[in-house]
Amino acid sequence: MKEDFKQWSFNRKQWLEYGKRQMEERARKIEVVRKKKFDTIATHGLYDADTSHTYNSASIIEPIYMSTAQAYYNSAEMEAALAYEIPTWCYTRIANPSNYFLEETMALLETYQTDLEASCVITASGMAAIRAATEPFLQKDDSLPPPNFVASAKVYGGTFQQFSLRRGVEQGIEVRWIKNPLDLNEWKSKVDEGTRFLYGEFPSNPQVSIFDIAEVATLAHQNGVPLIVDATCASPALTRPLQFGADIVVQSATKVICSSGFSIAGTLTARKNIASKVGSEEMKSDFAMWVKLWPYRDNGPALSPMNAILALNDLRYLRMRMAHMSRSALTVAKYLEDHPKVSAAHYPGLVSYEGHAVANKYMTLADTDENMYGFMLAFEVAEKTPDSSVNARKFYDALDMIWRATDLGRVKTVATLNAISTHSQQGEEGRDLADIKPSTCRLALGIEDVADVIADLDQAFKKI
């Protein structure tokens, strides 16, 4: 067959027909794989024996394509490829075979057990994914009022800075913050003709705040705009926002998807035919692919193929890790809720948690009926005054096995004082919006035995 390609030098039609057959075969594979279970999809994706012979000398493990560019047989193939008329990876800033394997698998997992069609583009970090997901909706359009967007204030510190500083201060785009994302009326009060999208984390980092995805999605669509959800701390193993009406879901795959801690990555997965007041029909019909072919190409937030394969390897065990980590987190949350040196514990799995019923609606371990609530929780160490962190620092500095870092989603348990780290730059006013106190400690459970985690917490509390 390769010898035949050389004869197609001036026959673009043959390349277009060949590309059409490739896309038809890919669509056929997707329909086959969609019927498999979560762990099977996470393990295999679309990489099968035929693909391995084509791309990887029949290896059963996906290849790492460290090459920067693809060569073409002739000018006809190059012309069709660079016009995006046939499948191509062209240049690693735009696409790469190794990256495809991760993108295809994530699109399948984010739409698991639905009839939704979606595409995924992977980025060099979760922050790059958020930028790629939101920027297209803020484009200039003189037929509309000045753009604004509505976002939960309970978001990761980097997201707050991207929205507040980069978009708000530097670009003059109004950010309308939601203080209580469980209050649908507050969302409604912020939306108007200039609103371009709604945005929330589910659950949020670090306060594990949640919102009713379906209700907020309905509100977004009633106003002709998309709902974008950062589901990093749930992952598709527990919550798949597209299933409940969200248009776009972003993941900092650096976290629990890449839980070994060897790579940084982000994912942007979008359903087909999203709502939007702006943009071309091409953008709305297949948003993630449009991002990949146009702004992603021009802005260059590409992921290293090495990191893509490292992420893909960790992804295979995602559901099993989330089950173990969620069970550990619930056990620790109950321990903290009853501890005399803890003034408040925040975890969606606690009955006392304000959004517990909403969490039960959306957080279920894939392929089970069991509600699980993720690996992350937050708590406030009891202090003599509300604005103090004396006891929190004593406790934090006394931790032994648990790592002091700003990381989360690792196989190793990590603790963070967010007011002095992940959310320090947004200032006191921003932290108040996000309900992050000086005494707030975020705990991200790993895969250790939970008894050893509690033992370390216990000895640290004794130092107060």
Protein backbone atom coordinates (compact mmCIF):
# COMPACT_ATOMS: atom_id res chain seq x y z
CA MET A 1 0.00 0.00 0.00
CA LYS A 2 2.87 2.38 0.74
CA GLU A 3 4.18 1.85 -2.78
CA ASP A 4 0.79 2.99 -4.08
CA PHE A 5 1.07 6.27 -2.19
CA LYS A 6 4.05 7.26 -4.32
CA GLN A 7 1.87 7.11 -7.41
CA TRP A 8 -0.56 9.69 -6.02
CA SER A 9 1.75 12.64 -6.52
CA PHE A 10 -0.71 14.76 -8.50
CA ASN A 11 -3.95 13.05 -7.52
CA ARG A 12 -5.38 14.93 -4.55
CA LYS A 13 -8.68 13.12 -5.01
CA GLN A 14 -7.05 9.81 -4.09
CA TRP A 15 -5.72 11.32 -0.87
CA LEU A 16 -9.14 12.72 0.00
CA GLU A 17 -10.73 9.33 -0.56
CA TYR A 18 -8.04 7.70 1.56
CA GLY A 19 -8.63 10.26 4.32
CA LYS A 20 -12.36 9.61 4.18
CA ARG A 21 -11.77 5.88 4.67
CA GLN A 22 -9.52 6.63 7.65
CA MET A 23 -12.21 8.75 9.30
CA GLU A 24 -14.88 6.14 8.63
CA GLU A 25 -12.69 3.49 10.24
CA ARG A 26 -12.06 5.73 13.24
CA ALA A 27 -15.82 6.32 13.64
CA ARG A 28 -16.41 2.57 13.47
CA LYS A 29 -13.82 1.94 16.19
CA ILE A 30 -15.34 4.60 18.41
CA GLU A 31 -18.75 2.92 18.23
CA VAL A 32 -17.21 -0.43 19.15
CA VAL A 33 -15.16 0.94 22.05
CA ARG A 34 -18.03 3.04 23.47
CA LYS A 35 -19.82 -0.18 24.41
CA LYS A 36 -16.99 -1.35 26.65
CA LYS A 37 -16.60 -0.72 30.38
CA PHE A 38 -14.78 2.26 31.89
CA ASP A 39 -11.59 0.41 32.86
CA THR A 40 -11.40 -1.23 29.44
CA ILE A 41 -11.70 2.11 27.66
CA ALA A 42 -9.11 3.67 29.98
CA THR A 43 -6.74 0.77 29.28
CA HIS A 44 -7.12 0.47 25.51
CA GLY A 45 -8.74 3.62 24.11
CA LEU A 46 -8.72 3.33 20.32
CA TYR A 47 -5.25 1.76 20.24
CA ASP A 48 -5.77 -1.75 18.87
CA ALA A 49 -3.76 -4.34 16.94
CA ASP A 50 -4.33 -2.65 13.58
CA THR A 51 -3.20 0.70 14.98
CA SER A 52 -0.14 -0.87 16.58
CA HIS A 53 0.96 -2.33 13.24
CA THR A 54 0.47 1.04 11.54
CA TYR A 55 2.14 3.24 14.14
CA ASN A 56 4.31 1.09 16.38
CA SER A 57 5.73 -2.13 14.89
CA ALA A 58 2.97 -4.18 16.56
CA SER A 59 3.87 -3.10 20.12
CA ILE A 60 1.00 -3.54 22.56
CA ILE A 61 1.87 -0.25 24.33
CA GLU A 62 1.33 3.10 22.64
CA PRO A 63 4.42 4.76 21.11
CA ILE A 64 6.10 8.00 22.16
CA TYR A 65 6.51 10.09 19.02
CA MET A 66 9.21 12.56 20.04
CA SER A 67 9.60 13.77 16.46
CA THR A 68 8.57 17.36 15.81
CA ALA A 69 7.05 16.87 12.38
CA GLN A 70 5.44 14.47 9.92
CA ALA A 71 6.85 13.91 6.44
CA TYR A 72 4.59 13.56 3.39
CA TYR A 73 4.82 11.28 0.40
CA ASN A 74 4.27 14.07 -2.08
CA SER A 75 2.86 17.54 -2.63
CA ALA A 76 -0.70 16.27 -3.08
CA GLU A 77 -0.72 14.68 0.38
CA MET A 78 0.88 17.76 1.95
CA GLU A 79 -1.64 20.08 0.32
CA ALA A 80 -4.63 18.03 1.50
CA ALA A 81 -3.16 17.56 4.98
CA LEU A 82 -2.34 21.21 5.63
CA ALA A 83 -5.80 22.21 4.46
CA TYR A 84 -7.14 19.85 7.15
CA GLU A 85 -8.88 17.76 4.51
CA ILE A 86 -7.33 14.46 5.60
CA PRO A 87 -6.12 13.16 8.98
CA THR A 88 -2.62 14.44 9.73
CA TRP A 89 -0.43 15.28 12.66
CA CYS A 90 1.77 17.61 10.64
CA TYR A 91 3.69 19.31 13.45
CA THR A 92 3.71 18.52 17.17
CA ARG A 93 2.64 22.06 18.09
CA ILE A 94 -0.64 21.17 16.36
CA ALA A 95 -0.95 17.42 16.82
CA ASN A 96 1.04 14.26 17.44
CA PRO A 97 0.15 10.53 17.31
CA SER A 98 1.04 10.02 20.98
CA ASN A 99 -1.19 12.92 21.95
CA TYR A 100 -4.04 11.51 19.84
CA PHE A 101 -4.11 8.35 21.94
CA LEU A 102 -4.69 10.37 25.12
CA GLU A 103 -7.20 12.74 23.49
CA GLU A 104 -9.30 9.94 22.05
CA THR A 105 -9.37 8.06 25.35
CA MET A 106 -10.36 11.15 27.35
CA ALA A 107 -13.18 11.99 24.92
CA LEU A 108 -14.54 8.47 25.36
CA LEU A 109 -14.30 8.59 29.16
CA GLU A 110 -15.90 12.04 29.47
CA THR A 111 -18.91 10.77 27.49
CA TYR A 112 -18.97 7.28 29.04
CA GLN A 113 -22.38 5.57 28.99
CA THR A 114 -24.00 8.39 27.01
CA ASP A 115 -24.84 8.87 23.35
CA LEU A 116 -22.97 12.18 23.30
CA GLU A 117 -20.31 12.89 20.72
CA ALA A 118 -17.30 14.83 21.95
CA SER A 119 -13.77 15.77 21.00
CA CYS A 120 -10.75 16.41 23.21
CA VAL A 121 -7.62 18.50 22.90
CA ILE A 122 -4.79 18.14 25.41
CA THR A 123 -2.63 21.00 26.62
CA ALA A 124 0.63 21.58 28.45
CA SER A 125 -1.19 22.26 31.75
CA GLY A 126 -4.60 22.61 33.29
CA MET A 127 -4.26 26.40 33.20
CA ALA A 128 -3.60 26.23 29.46
CA ALA A 129 -6.75 24.13 29.08
CA ILE A 130 -8.80 26.77 30.94
CA ARG A 131 -7.39 29.53 28.75
CA ALA A 132 -8.10 27.55 25.58
CA ALA A 133 -11.64 26.73 26.76
CA THR A 134 -12.66 30.29 27.67
CA GLU A 135 -10.79 32.66 25.35
CA PRO A 136 -12.80 31.97 22.15
CA PHE A 137 -16.02 33.16 23.79
CA LEU A 138 -14.53 36.55 24.66
CA GLN A 139 -13.88 37.55 21.07
CA LYS A 140 -14.94 40.97 19.80
CA ASP A 141 -18.53 41.20 18.56
CA ASP A 142 -20.00 44.68 18.02
CA SER A 143 -23.53 43.27 17.83
CA LEU A 144 -23.39 42.40 21.53
CA PRO A 145 -22.84 44.40 24.74
CA PRO A 146 -19.30 44.39 26.21
CA PRO A 147 -18.42 40.81 27.26
CA ASN A 148 -18.64 39.48 30.78
CA PHE A 149 -18.60 35.99 32.23
CA VAL A 150 -20.01 34.49 35.41
CA ALA A 151 -17.83 32.21 37.52
CA SER A 152 -17.89 30.61 40.92
CA ALA A 153 -15.46 32.43 43.21
CA LYS A 154 -14.59 29.09 44.78
CA VAL A 155 -11.95 28.11 42.28
CA TYR A 156 -8.27 27.23 42.27
CA GLY A 157 -6.01 30.24 42.95
CA GLY A 158 -4.44 30.11 39.49
CA THR A 159 -7.88 30.19 37.88
CA PHE A 160 -8.87 33.14 40.05
CA GLN A 161 -5.75 34.99 38.90
CA GLN A 162 -6.29 34.14 35.23
CA PHE A 163 -9.85 35.42 35.41
CA SER A 164 -9.39 38.38 37.77
CA LEU A 165 -6.00 39.69 36.68
CA ARG A 166 -5.39 38.51 33.11
CA ARG A 167 -8.97 38.90 31.91
CA GLY A 168 -10.33 41.53 34.29
CA VAL A 169 -7.47 43.95 34.97
CA GLU A 170 -5.39 43.48 31.82
CA GLN A 171 -8.14 42.97 29.24
CA GLY A 172 -10.99 44.88 30.87
CA ILE A 173 -13.40 41.94 30.73
CA GLU A 174 -15.86 41.91 33.61
CA VAL A 175 -15.77 38.85 35.84
CA ARG A 176 -18.96 38.33 37.86
CA TRP A 177 -18.18 36.17 40.86
CA ILE A 178 -20.63 33.76 42.48
CA LYS A 179 -20.05 33.52 46.23
CA ASN A 180 -22.44 30.61 46.87
CA PRO A 181 -22.49 28.35 43.79
CA LEU A 182 -25.30 26.25 45.29
CA ASP A 183 -27.60 29.29 45.05
CA LEU A 184 -29.14 29.22 41.56
CA ASN A 185 -30.73 32.63 42.12
CA GLU A 186 -27.29 34.15 42.56
CA TRP A 187 -26.26 32.70 39.19
CA LYS A 188 -29.42 34.08 37.61
CA SER A 189 -28.81 37.55 39.03
CA LYS A 190 -25.42 37.80 37.31
CA VAL A 191 -26.39 36.78 33.76
CA ASP A 192 -27.33 39.32 31.09
CA GLU A 193 -27.01 39.97 27.33
CA GLY A 194 -23.26 40.51 27.61
CA THR A 195 -22.59 37.21 29.38
CA ARG A 196 -20.47 34.87 27.23
CA PHE A 197 -20.17 31.75 29.43
CA LEU A 198 -20.75 30.34 32.93
CA TYR A 199 -17.92 28.62 34.77
CA GLY A 200 -17.59 26.48 37.89
CA GLU A 201 -15.40 23.87 39.58
CA PHE A 202 -16.91 20.58 40.67
CA PRO A 203 -15.77 20.13 43.37
CA SER A 204 -13.70 23.25 43.93
CA ASN A 205 -10.11 23.44 45.07
CA PRO A 206 -9.66 23.64 48.04
CA GLN A 207 -13.08 24.09 49.69
CA VAL A 208 -14.71 21.21 47.75
CA SER A 209 -17.60 23.48 46.88
CA ILE A 210 -20.06 22.14 44.31
CA PHE A 211 -23.07 23.34 42.32
CA ASP A 212 -26.03 21.78 40.56
CA ILE A 213 -24.57 21.15 37.11
CA ALA A 214 -27.89 20.47 35.36
CA GLU A 215 -29.58 23.57 36.78
CA VAL A 216 -26.69 25.88 35.89
CA ALA A 217 -26.40 24.28 32.44
CA THR A 218 -30.09 24.94 31.82
CA LEU A 219 -29.62 28.56 32.88
CA ALA A 220 -26.63 28.90 30.54
CA HIS A 221 -28.53 27.45 27.59
CA GLN A 222 -31.58 29.61 28.24
CA ASN A 223 -29.24 32.55 27.75
CA GLY A 224 -27.51 31.08 24.70
CA VAL A 225 -24.13 30.52 26.33
CA PRO A 226 -22.07 27.47 27.31
CA LEU A 227 -21.39 26.04 30.75
CA ILE A 228 -17.72 25.21 31.32
CA VAL A 229 -16.87 22.92 34.24
CA ASP A 230 -13.48 22.18 35.77
CA ALA A 231 -13.94 18.64 37.07
CA THR A 232 -10.31 18.01 38.05
CA CYS A 233 -11.08 16.92 41.59
CA ALA A 234 -13.78 14.47 40.52
CA SER A 235 -12.28 13.14 37.26
CA PRO A 236 -14.44 11.22 34.77
CA ALA A 237 -14.29 8.25 37.14
CA LEU A 238 -16.78 10.03 39.45
CA THR A 239 -18.44 12.88 37.55
CA ARG A 240 -18.90 13.49 33.84
CA PRO A 241 -20.37 17.02 33.50
CA LEU A 242 -21.18 16.64 29.79
CA GLN A 243 -23.69 13.97 30.76
CA PHE A 244 -25.61 16.55 32.81
CA GLY A 245 -25.71 19.34 30.27
CA ALA A 246 -22.31 21.04 30.51
CA ASP A 247 -20.82 21.99 27.15
CA ILE A 248 -17.13 21.87 27.97
CA VAL A 249 -15.16 20.12 30.71
CA VAL A 250 -11.56 20.87 31.57
CA GLN A 251 -9.22 18.78 33.66
CA SER A 252 -5.88 19.53 35.19
CA ALA A 253 -4.75 16.05 34.23
CA THR A 254 -1.62 16.81 36.26
CA LYS A 255 -3.65 15.83 39.29
CA VAL A 256 -5.36 12.47 39.81
CA ILE A 257 -5.22 11.46 36.13
CA CYS A 258 -1.40 11.74 36.28
CA SER A 259 -1.22 10.68 39.90
CA SER A 260 2.31 9.27 39.69
CA GLY A 261 3.51 12.88 39.60
CA PHE A 262 5.69 12.54 36.50
CA SER A 263 3.87 14.86 34.11
CA ILE A 264 1.91 18.09 33.80
CA ALA A 265 -1.04 18.10 31.40
CA GLY A 266 -4.47 19.57 30.78
CA THR A 267 -7.51 18.38 28.84
CA LEU A 268 -10.36 20.23 27.16
CA THR A 269 -13.29 18.04 26.13
CA ALA A 270 -16.35 19.51 24.44
CA ARG A 271 -19.62 18.03 23.30
CA LYS A 272 -20.60 18.62 19.69
CA ASN A 273 -22.92 21.56 18.88
CA ILE A 274 -22.37 23.76 21.92
CA ALA A 275 -24.32 26.90 22.78
CA SER A 276 -22.60 30.23 22.11
CA LYS A 277 -23.53 33.81 21.22
CA VAL A 278 -20.29 34.27 19.29
CA GLY A 279 -18.11 32.33 16.90
CA SER A 280 -18.52 30.47 13.64
CA GLU A 281 -20.72 27.46 13.06
CA GLU A 282 -17.52 25.42 12.74
CA MET A 283 -16.52 26.50 16.24
CA LYS A 284 -19.88 25.59 17.74
CA SER A 285 -20.26 22.27 15.93
CA ASP A 286 -16.96 20.75 17.16
CA PHE A 287 -15.41 23.16 19.64
CA ALA A 288 -12.44 21.09 20.84
CA MET A 289 -11.39 20.19 17.30
CA TRP A 290 -11.81 23.82 16.20
CA VAL A 291 -9.60 24.92 19.11
CA LYS A 292 -7.00 22.33 18.13
CA LEU A 293 -6.86 23.31 14.46
CA TRP A 294 -6.95 27.10 14.87
CA PRO A 295 -6.24 28.99 18.15
CA TYR A 296 -4.28 26.06 19.66
CA ARG A 297 -2.15 25.97 16.51
CA ASP A 298 -1.51 29.71 16.71
CA ASN A 299 -1.01 30.04 20.48
CA GLY A 300 1.13 26.94 20.97
CA PRO A 301 0.03 25.38 24.31
CA ALA A 302 0.94 21.89 23.07
CA LEU A 303 1.68 19.01 25.40
CA SER A 304 4.94 17.08 25.12
CA PRO A 305 4.32 13.60 23.63
CA MET A 306 6.34 12.12 26.49
CA ASN A 307 3.94 13.66 29.01
CA ALA A 308 0.97 12.44 26.97
CA ILE A 309 2.10 8.83 27.22
CA LEU A 310 2.95 9.17 30.92
CA ALA A 311 -0.56 10.55 31.49
CA LEU A 312 -2.12 7.80 29.40
CA ASN A 313 -0.30 5.15 31.42
CA ASP A 314 -1.61 6.57 34.71
CA LEU A 315 -5.10 6.98 33.25
CA ARG A 316 -5.49 3.20 32.90
CA TYR A 317 -5.85 2.83 36.70
CA LEU A 318 -7.92 5.96 37.32
CA ARG A 319 -11.18 4.37 38.47
CA MET A 320 -9.44 1.99 40.88
CA ARG A 321 -7.34 4.77 42.40
CA MET A 322 -10.34 7.07 42.78
CA ALA A 323 -12.25 4.34 44.60
CA HIS A 324 -9.43 3.77 47.09
CA MET A 325 -8.65 7.46 47.56
CA SER A 326 -12.32 8.40 47.97
CA ARG A 327 -12.86 5.77 50.65
CA SER A 328 -9.78 7.02 52.50
CA ALA A 329 -10.92 10.65 52.19
CA LEU A 330 -14.34 9.86 53.65
CA THR A 331 -12.74 8.03 56.59
CA VAL A 332 -10.40 10.96 57.26
CA ALA A 333 -13.22 13.51 56.86
CA LYS A 334 -15.27 11.74 59.52
CA TYR A 335 -12.21 11.64 61.79
CA LEU A 336 -11.64 15.38 61.32
CA GLU A 337 -15.33 16.28 61.74
CA ASP A 338 -15.24 14.84 65.26
CA HIS A 339 -11.79 16.11 66.23
CA PRO A 340 -11.77 18.68 69.07
CA LYS A 341 -8.95 20.67 67.41
CA VAL A 342 -10.85 21.08 64.13
CA SER A 343 -13.42 23.87 63.89
CA ALA A 344 -14.92 22.71 60.55
CA ALA A 345 -14.46 19.90 58.04
CA HIS A 346 -15.50 20.18 54.39
CA TYR A 347 -16.14 17.09 52.29
CA PRO A 348 -19.09 16.29 50.01
CA GLY A 349 -19.40 12.83 51.55
CA LEU A 350 -20.24 14.18 55.00
CA VAL A 351 -23.95 14.33 55.79
CA SER A 352 -23.29 17.70 57.44
CA TYR A 353 -21.91 19.11 54.17
CA GLU A 354 -24.26 21.73 52.70
CA GLY A 355 -24.27 20.22 49.22
CA HIS A 356 -24.34 16.56 50.25
CA ALA A 357 -27.60 15.83 48.40
CA VAL A 358 -26.27 17.54 45.25
CA ALA A 359 -23.05 15.54 45.54
CA ASN A 360 -25.09 12.32 45.67
CA LYS A 361 -26.79 13.38 42.46
CA TYR A 362 -23.56 13.77 40.50
CA MET A 363 -20.76 11.83 42.17
CA THR A 364 -20.91 8.07 41.57
CA LEU A 365 -18.04 5.70 40.87
CA ALA A 366 -18.26 4.58 37.24
CA ASP A 367 -19.80 1.13 36.71
CA THR A 368 -21.24 1.07 40.24
CA ASP A 369 -24.18 2.57 42.11
CA GLU A 370 -21.88 3.73 44.91
CA ASN A 371 -21.60 7.41 45.70
CA MET A 372 -17.99 8.48 46.12
CA TYR A 373 -16.75 11.98 46.70
CA GLY A 374 -13.14 12.29 45.61
CA PHE A 375 -9.69 12.41 47.12
CA MET A 376 -9.67 15.99 48.43
CA LEU A 377 -11.04 17.60 51.58
CA ALA A 378 -10.45 20.76 53.56
CA PHE A 379 -10.68 21.64 57.22
CA GLU A 380 -10.04 24.54 59.55
CA VAL A 381 -7.74 24.02 62.48
CA ALA A 382 -9.29 25.51 65.63
CA GLU A 383 -7.72 28.89 66.46
CA LYS A 384 -8.01 31.38 69.31
CA THR A 385 -9.09 34.11 66.86
CA PRO A 386 -10.80 33.74 63.45
CA ASP A 387 -7.94 35.40 61.53
CA SER A 388 -5.18 33.40 63.18
CA SER A 389 -3.05 30.61 61.72
CA VAL A 390 -0.84 29.87 64.73
CA ASN A 391 -2.30 26.44 65.46
CA ALA A 392 -2.65 25.59 61.78
CA ARG A 393 1.05 26.22 61.22
CA LYS A 394 2.04 24.22 64.32
CA PHE A 395 -0.08 21.32 63.10
CA TYR A 396 1.18 21.62 59.54
CA ASP A 397 4.84 21.79 60.47
CA ALA A 398 4.45 18.71 62.67
CA LEU A 399 3.28 16.44 59.83
CA ASP A 400 5.70 13.61 59.22
CA MET A 401 4.59 11.11 56.55
CA ILE A 402 2.17 13.53 54.85
CA TRP A 403 3.95 15.81 52.41
CA ARG A 404 3.88 19.60 52.75
CA ALA A 405 3.43 20.82 49.17
CA THR A 406 0.97 22.56 46.87
CA ASP A 407 0.33 19.37 44.89
CA LEU A 408 -2.78 17.20 44.90
CA GLY A 409 -4.14 14.06 43.31
CA ARG A 410 -0.92 12.17 43.96
CA VAL A 411 -0.49 8.58 45.04
CA LYS A 412 1.10 10.15 48.13
CA THR A 413 -0.99 12.18 50.57
CA VAL A 414 -0.24 15.91 50.45
CA ALA A 415 -1.32 18.75 52.76
CA THR A 416 -1.43 22.45 51.88
CA LEU A 417 -2.10 25.69 53.75
CA ASN A 418 -3.86 27.48 50.89
CA ALA A 419 -3.89 31.01 52.30
CA ILE A 420 -0.09 31.16 52.11
CA SER A 421 0.33 29.14 48.91
CA THR A 422 -2.17 28.39 46.15
CA HIS A 423 -4.42 31.37 46.98
CA SER A 424 -1.89 33.83 48.40
CA GLN A 425 -1.74 36.06 45.30
CA GLN A 426 -5.46 36.78 45.16
CA GLY A 427 -5.32 38.74 48.39
CA GLU A 428 -7.56 38.83 51.43
CA GLU A 429 -10.62 40.00 49.52
CA GLY A 430 -10.27 37.18 46.99
CA ARG A 431 -9.76 34.60 49.71
CA ASP A 432 -12.86 35.88 51.48
CA LEU A 433 -14.85 35.37 48.26
CA ALA A 434 -13.54 31.80 48.10
CA ASP A 435 -14.09 31.25 51.85
CA ILE A 436 -10.43 30.39 52.44
CA LYS A 437 -9.32 31.17 55.96
CA PRO A 438 -5.79 31.47 57.41
CA SER A 439 -6.52 28.22 59.24
CA THR A 440 -7.70 26.31 56.16
CA CYS A 441 -5.77 23.15 55.41
CA ARG A 442 -6.34 21.16 52.22
CA LEU A 443 -5.67 17.44 52.36
CA ALA A 444 -5.37 15.35 49.21
CA LEU A 445 -5.47 11.66 50.04
CA GLY A 446 -3.16 9.22 48.28
CA ILE A 447 -3.20 5.44 48.13
CA GLU A 448 -1.49 4.74 51.46
CA ASP A 449 -3.29 2.78 54.16
CA VAL A 450 -5.70 5.27 55.70
CA ALA A 451 -4.76 4.17 59.23
CA ASP A 452 -1.23 5.48 58.67
CA VAL A 453 -2.59 8.80 57.37
CA ILE A 454 -4.78 9.24 60.46
CA ALA A 455 -1.89 8.31 62.74
CA ASP A 456 0.19 11.09 61.22
CA LEU A 457 -2.64 13.61 61.53
CA ASP A 458 -3.16 12.54 65.14
CA GLN A 459 0.44 13.05 66.16
CA ALA A 460 0.50 16.46 64.44
CA PHE A 461 -2.63 17.61 66.29
CA LYS A 462 -0.93 16.69 69.57
CA LYS A 463 1.71 19.33 68.87
CA ILE A 464 -0.88 22.11 69.17
